[in-house]
Amino acid sequence: MDTTKIASDIDGLADRQIKAGGMRLTAGSIMAIFAFLSTIVGGLYGGFVLYQKIEAVAGLDIEAYQQNMNVMDAKIVGISEKVEESVEYTRDIKNGLKDDILRIEQQTDRIEDMVRDNEDKVRSMIDDAEVRFENQRERVRVSQSGSMKELEERLMDKLQRALDNPLAD
């Protein structure tokens, strides 16, 4: 295959003319006509598609869409009200829990005060009991030491009498 011959045939292609319908056309003019016809056909197709879309939009039932929008608005309002009710209910629960916690803290403080008072009373009772027990021990010691002295004195008296008069008893 001779590439130079192919190249020269291609170079000569631009200058060649074709006769069609009594007109002489070159390759460039044929391409221009084809481009022009493609543009017209593409424009007509685009216009047809646009026309179909416009017909579809024109045929829409605006009232049905408006009803749907109203229904959606009503649902949104209903949801909004439920959210507000939920927020209010949550706020009530929070306040109730807060009040419960405060009451429990107050009761705990009262119980702590009562425990402290009872501790003080018990300590005071223990101290009083210790004092009473100590006093009682002291009395027992005094009475025991008094009876021991008395017993010792009596024993000494008997012993002295026995020594003084061994035949008397």
Protein backbone atom coordinates (compact mmCIF):
# COMPACT_ATOMS: atom_id res chain seq x y z
CA MET A 1 0.00 0.00 0.00
CA ASP A 2 1.33 3.35 -0.95
CA THR A 3 0.75 5.94 1.73
CA THR A 4 1.64 8.86 -0.47
CA LYS A 5 -1.15 7.94 -2.89
CA ILE A 6 -3.64 7.74 0.03
CA ALA A 7 -2.45 11.10 1.30
CA SER A 8 -2.79 12.71 -2.13
CA ASP A 9 -6.31 11.23 -2.53
CA ILE A 10 -7.29 12.70 0.82
CA ASP A 11 -5.83 16.10 -0.10
CA GLY A 12 -7.80 16.06 -3.31
CA LEU A 13 -11.01 15.10 -1.48
CA ALA A 14 -11.60 18.64 -0.33
CA ASP A 15 -11.57 19.91 -3.92
CA ARG A 16 -13.85 17.21 -5.34
CA GLN A 17 -17.43 18.14 -6.06
CA ILE A 18 -20.52 15.98 -6.08
CA LYS A 19 -23.47 16.81 -8.24
CA ALA A 20 -26.86 16.32 -6.53
CA GLY A 21 -30.18 17.74 -7.66
CA GLY A 22 -28.55 20.09 -10.14
CA MET A 23 -26.20 21.50 -7.56
CA ARG A 24 -22.53 20.95 -7.16
CA LEU A 25 -21.51 20.30 -3.59
CA THR A 26 -18.09 19.95 -2.04
CA ALA A 27 -17.31 17.74 0.97
CA GLY A 28 -17.22 20.79 3.24
CA SER A 29 -20.62 22.02 2.07
CA ILE A 30 -22.05 18.50 2.52
CA MET A 31 -20.74 18.51 6.10
CA ALA A 32 -22.25 21.96 6.70
CA ILE A 33 -25.62 20.83 5.35
CA PHE A 34 -25.47 17.69 7.55
CA ALA A 35 -24.62 19.82 10.60
CA PHE A 36 -27.47 22.23 9.77
CA LEU A 37 -29.97 19.39 9.37
CA SER A 38 -28.74 17.73 12.63
CA THR A 39 -29.20 20.99 14.49
CA ILE A 40 -32.73 21.39 13.16
CA VAL A 41 -33.67 17.77 14.00
CA GLY A 42 -32.09 18.06 17.50
CA GLY A 43 -33.92 21.35 18.09
CA LEU A 44 -37.21 19.81 17.00
CA TYR A 45 -36.66 16.80 19.30
CA GLY A 46 -35.75 19.10 22.23
CA GLY A 47 -38.84 21.20 21.52
CA PHE A 48 -40.98 18.07 21.47
CA VAL A 49 -39.59 16.87 24.83
CA LEU A 50 -40.07 20.37 26.31
CA TYR A 51 -43.63 20.42 24.98
CA GLN A 52 -44.33 17.08 26.68
CA LYS A 53 -42.97 18.39 29.98
CA ILE A 54 -45.01 21.56 29.73
CA GLU A 55 -48.12 19.51 28.97
CA ALA A 56 -47.38 17.32 32.01
CA VAL A 57 -46.99 20.40 34.23
CA ALA A 58 -50.07 22.06 32.71
CA GLY A 59 -52.08 18.93 33.30
CA LEU A 60 -51.22 18.82 37.00
CA ASP A 61 -54.06 19.05 39.47
CA ILE A 62 -53.00 22.05 41.53
CA GLU A 63 -55.87 21.58 43.98
CA ALA A 64 -54.73 18.02 44.74
CA TYR A 65 -51.23 19.29 45.42
CA GLN A 66 -52.66 22.05 47.59
CA GLN A 67 -54.69 19.49 49.53
CA ASN A 68 -51.59 17.35 49.96
CA MET A 69 -49.68 20.40 51.18
CA ASN A 70 -52.51 21.22 53.62
CA VAL A 71 -52.49 17.63 54.90
CA MET A 72 -48.72 17.79 55.33
CA ASP A 73 -49.02 21.15 57.11
CA ALA A 74 -51.66 19.66 59.43
CA LYS A 75 -49.40 16.69 60.15
CA ILE A 76 -46.48 19.02 60.84
CA VAL A 77 -48.67 21.09 63.18
CA GLY A 78 -49.81 17.86 64.91
CA ILE A 79 -46.24 16.66 65.27
CA SER A 80 -45.20 20.08 66.52
CA GLU A 81 -47.96 20.01 69.15
CA LYS A 82 -46.94 16.51 70.23
CA VAL A 83 -43.31 17.61 70.50
CA GLU A 84 -44.40 20.58 72.62
CA GLU A 85 -46.51 18.25 74.80
CA SER A 86 -43.54 15.92 75.16
CA VAL A 87 -41.29 18.80 76.12
CA GLU A 88 -43.84 20.01 78.68
CA TYR A 89 -44.28 16.46 80.06
CA THR A 90 -40.51 16.07 80.29
CA ARG A 91 -40.26 19.43 82.06
CA ASP A 92 -42.96 18.30 84.55
CA ILE A 93 -41.09 15.04 85.20
CA LYS A 94 -37.84 16.97 85.72
CA ASN A 95 -39.49 19.35 88.18
CA GLY A 96 -41.16 16.44 89.99
CA LEU A 97 -37.85 14.63 90.33
CA LYS A 98 -36.21 17.83 91.52
CA ASP A 99 -38.89 18.26 94.20
CA ASP A 100 -38.55 14.60 95.23
CA ILE A 101 -34.79 14.97 95.58
CA LEU A 102 -35.22 18.12 97.70
CA ARG A 103 -37.72 16.32 99.98
CA ILE A 104 -35.37 13.37 100.36
CA GLU A 105 -32.50 15.73 101.22
CA GLN A 106 -34.68 17.45 103.84
CA GLN A 107 -35.70 14.11 105.35
CA THR A 108 -32.07 12.99 105.37
CA ASP A 109 -31.07 16.20 107.17
CA ARG A 110 -33.86 15.68 109.73
CA ILE A 111 -32.81 12.07 110.30
CA GLU A 112 -29.17 13.10 110.69
CA ASP A 113 -30.22 15.70 113.27
CA MET A 114 -32.29 13.08 115.12
CA VAL A 115 -29.35 10.65 115.10
CA ARG A 116 -27.04 13.35 116.47
CA ASP A 117 -29.57 14.20 119.21
CA ASN A 118 -29.94 10.52 120.10
CA GLU A 119 -26.16 10.11 120.18
CA ASP A 120 -25.90 13.08 122.54
CA LYS A 121 -28.68 11.65 124.75
CA VAL A 122 -27.06 8.20 124.83
CA ARG A 123 -23.66 9.70 125.68
CA SER A 124 -25.25 11.76 128.42
CA MET A 125 -27.03 8.66 129.77
CA ILE A 126 -23.76 6.69 129.68
CA ASP A 127 -21.94 9.49 131.48
CA ASP A 128 -24.72 9.69 134.11
CA ALA A 129 -24.66 5.91 134.54
CA GLU A 130 -20.87 5.95 134.97
CA VAL A 131 -21.19 8.64 137.64
CA ARG A 132 -23.93 6.65 139.43
CA PHE A 133 -21.91 3.43 139.22
CA GLU A 134 -18.84 5.19 140.54
CA ASN A 135 -20.86 6.68 143.41
CA GLN A 136 -22.34 3.26 144.15
CA ARG A 137 -18.88 1.66 144.16
CA GLU A 138 -17.62 4.35 146.46
CA ARG A 139 -20.52 3.76 148.84
CA VAL A 140 -19.95 0.02 148.74
CA ARG A 141 -16.24 0.57 149.40
CA VAL A 142 -16.99 2.93 152.25
CA SER A 143 -19.58 0.59 153.72
CA GLN A 144 -17.27 -2.38 153.28
CA SER A 145 -14.35 -0.58 154.80
CA GLY A 146 -16.64 0.60 157.65
CA SER A 147 -17.87 -2.94 158.28
CA MET A 148 -14.36 -4.28 158.02
CA LYS A 149 -13.19 -1.79 160.62
CA GLU A 150 -16.14 -2.64 162.80
CA LEU A 151 -15.48 -6.35 162.33
CA GLU A 152 -11.81 -5.81 163.03
CA GLU A 153 -12.61 -3.82 166.16
CA ARG A 154 -14.97 -6.50 167.40
CA LEU A 155 -12.42 -9.18 166.66
CA MET A 156 -9.74 -7.22 168.45
CA ASP A 157 -12.05 -6.69 171.40
CA LYS A 158 -12.75 -10.41 171.64
CA LEU A 159 -9.11 -11.23 171.25
CA GLN A 160 -8.17 -8.74 173.94
CA ARG A 161 -10.79 -10.15 176.27
CA ALA A 162 -9.59 -13.64 175.60
CA LEU A 163 -6.07 -12.60 176.34
CA ASP A 164 -7.10 -10.74 179.43
CA ASN A 165 -9.15 -13.57 180.74
CA PRO A 166 -8.38 -16.81 179.00
CA LEU A 167 -10.83 -18.85 181.11
CA ALA A 168 -13.87 -16.61 180.60
CA ASP A 169 -15.19 -18.00 177.38
